[in-house]
Every structure is written in C-alpha cells, then in structure tokens.
Amino acid sequence: MNDFVSDCLLYNDFSDGKKEEEVVSLIREGIALSDNLNARVNFPKKVVANAKGVEKFVRKEGKEVKAHYKDIQKDLYEGYDKLFDKLSSLVK
C-alpha cells in the first residue's frame, strides 16, 4: 500500500496536480482494498446456518484456512495490479 500511495503522490507532484481528483480516488480505492484484506486476514470466517436457519459467523479450520489465505493473496496481487494499471493509464 505504501508504494502505491507514494507512486500516486509522486505522479501528482510531477503533473502539477492536473489530475488530483483521479489520484485521490485511486488512493481511496487502495485504502479500501487494504482495509478489506486486513479484515479478512485477521478473522478467517464463514457463515453457517443452524437448524432454525439463523446464520452466524464461525472461524474456518483446517484446509479452509489455507484456501482462505490463498484467496487473500490472489486478491492482493490482482487488486494492486489493477490499481497500478489505473495509475499508469493516468500517466499516458
């Protein structure tokens, strides 16, 4: 996240703030992605329903946890890749 924000601010400085709103929007997207990933890392959960149909969150266990963290890793790489692509399109 830090590298992305640094690149955004660096671009904003070199472009004399011509696209400042777009840069700020990208930074907000990055922060939202980071917050989402942090929340998912801190509590690997799933929704289950009891016999009465009431849903609740429970902690994942075993292979589910490994798959959960693999999904987070995938989302991390894909999310930041998309954000850097958007930043690159601003530069062009």
Protein backbone atom coordinates (compact mmCIF):
# COMPACT_ATOMS: atom_id res chain seq x y z
CA MET A 1 0.00 0.00 0.00
CA ASN A 2 2.80 2.41 0.89
CA ASP A 3 4.46 2.01 -2.51
CA PHE A 4 1.20 2.62 -4.31
CA VAL A 5 0.40 5.78 -2.34
CA SER A 6 3.98 7.01 -2.86
CA ASP A 7 3.69 6.47 -6.62
CA CYS A 8 0.35 8.29 -6.68
CA LEU A 9 1.71 11.27 -4.77
CA LEU A 10 4.86 11.35 -6.89
CA TYR A 11 2.78 11.38 -10.08
CA ASN A 12 0.57 14.11 -8.63
CA ASP A 13 3.61 16.25 -7.85
CA PHE A 14 5.13 15.82 -11.31
CA SER A 15 1.84 16.51 -13.07
CA ASP A 16 1.34 19.71 -11.07
CA GLY A 17 -1.93 18.36 -9.65
CA LYS A 18 -3.69 18.33 -13.03
CA LYS A 19 -5.46 15.06 -12.22
CA GLU A 20 -5.54 15.39 -8.46
CA GLU A 21 -9.13 14.16 -8.10
CA GLU A 22 -8.36 10.96 -10.01
CA VAL A 23 -5.23 10.38 -7.93
CA VAL A 24 -7.13 10.89 -4.67
CA SER A 25 -9.80 8.48 -5.92
CA LEU A 26 -7.13 5.84 -6.64
CA ILE A 27 -5.63 6.29 -3.19
CA ARG A 28 -9.08 5.81 -1.65
CA GLU A 29 -9.54 2.62 -3.68
CA GLY A 30 -6.18 1.39 -2.43
CA ILE A 31 -7.09 2.12 1.17
CA ALA A 32 -10.41 0.32 0.77
CA LEU A 33 -8.63 -2.71 -0.70
CA SER A 34 -6.10 -2.69 2.11
CA ASP A 35 -8.81 -2.43 4.78
CA ASN A 36 -10.75 -5.30 3.20
CA LEU A 37 -7.68 -7.54 3.03
CA ASN A 38 -6.67 -6.72 6.61
CA ALA A 39 -10.13 -7.59 7.90
CA ARG A 40 -10.08 -10.90 6.05
CA VAL A 41 -6.59 -11.76 7.31
CA ASN A 42 -7.47 -11.09 10.93
CA PHE A 43 -10.52 -13.33 11.08
CA PRO A 44 -10.94 -16.20 8.61
CA LYS A 45 -14.68 -16.72 8.93
CA LYS A 46 -17.56 -18.38 7.20
CA VAL A 47 -21.30 -18.08 7.53
CA VAL A 48 -23.21 -21.11 8.74
CA ALA A 49 -26.89 -21.58 9.50
CA ASN A 50 -28.25 -23.61 12.38
CA ALA A 51 -31.33 -25.85 12.21
CA LYS A 52 -33.60 -22.82 12.62
CA GLY A 53 -31.96 -21.04 9.69
CA VAL A 54 -30.21 -18.45 11.84
CA GLU A 55 -26.88 -17.51 10.30
CA LYS A 56 -23.74 -16.81 12.29
CA PHE A 57 -20.03 -16.36 11.68
CA VAL A 58 -17.66 -19.13 12.72
CA ARG A 59 -13.91 -19.46 12.35
CA LYS A 60 -12.67 -21.55 9.43
CA GLU A 61 -10.50 -24.55 10.22
CA GLY A 62 -8.01 -26.84 8.52
CA LYS A 63 -7.86 -26.76 4.74
CA GLU A 64 -10.43 -23.99 4.64
CA VAL A 65 -7.94 -21.66 6.33
CA LYS A 66 -5.21 -22.42 3.80
CA ALA A 67 -7.62 -21.82 0.91
CA HIS A 68 -8.81 -18.62 2.61
CA TYR A 69 -5.29 -17.18 2.76
CA LYS A 70 -4.57 -18.24 -0.82
CA ASP A 71 -7.66 -16.29 -1.91
CA ILE A 72 -6.44 -13.26 0.02
CA GLN A 73 -3.03 -13.49 -1.63
CA LYS A 74 -4.66 -13.71 -5.06
CA ASP A 75 -6.91 -10.73 -4.31
CA LEU A 76 -3.91 -8.75 -3.05
CA TYR A 77 -1.91 -9.25 -6.25
CA GLU A 78 -4.85 -8.73 -8.58
CA GLY A 79 -6.15 -5.71 -6.66
CA TYR A 80 -2.89 -3.82 -6.59
CA ASP A 81 -2.14 -4.80 -10.18
CA LYS A 82 -5.43 -3.19 -11.24
CA LEU A 83 -4.69 -0.08 -9.19
CA PHE A 84 -1.23 0.30 -10.72
CA ASP A 85 -2.76 -0.18 -14.18
CA LYS A 86 -5.23 2.63 -13.45
CA LEU A 87 -2.38 4.84 -12.29
CA SER A 88 -0.41 4.01 -15.43
CA SER A 89 -3.39 4.97 -17.58
CA LEU A 90 -3.43 8.39 -15.88
CA VAL A 91 0.21 8.91 -16.80
CA LYS A 92 -0.41 8.30 -20.51
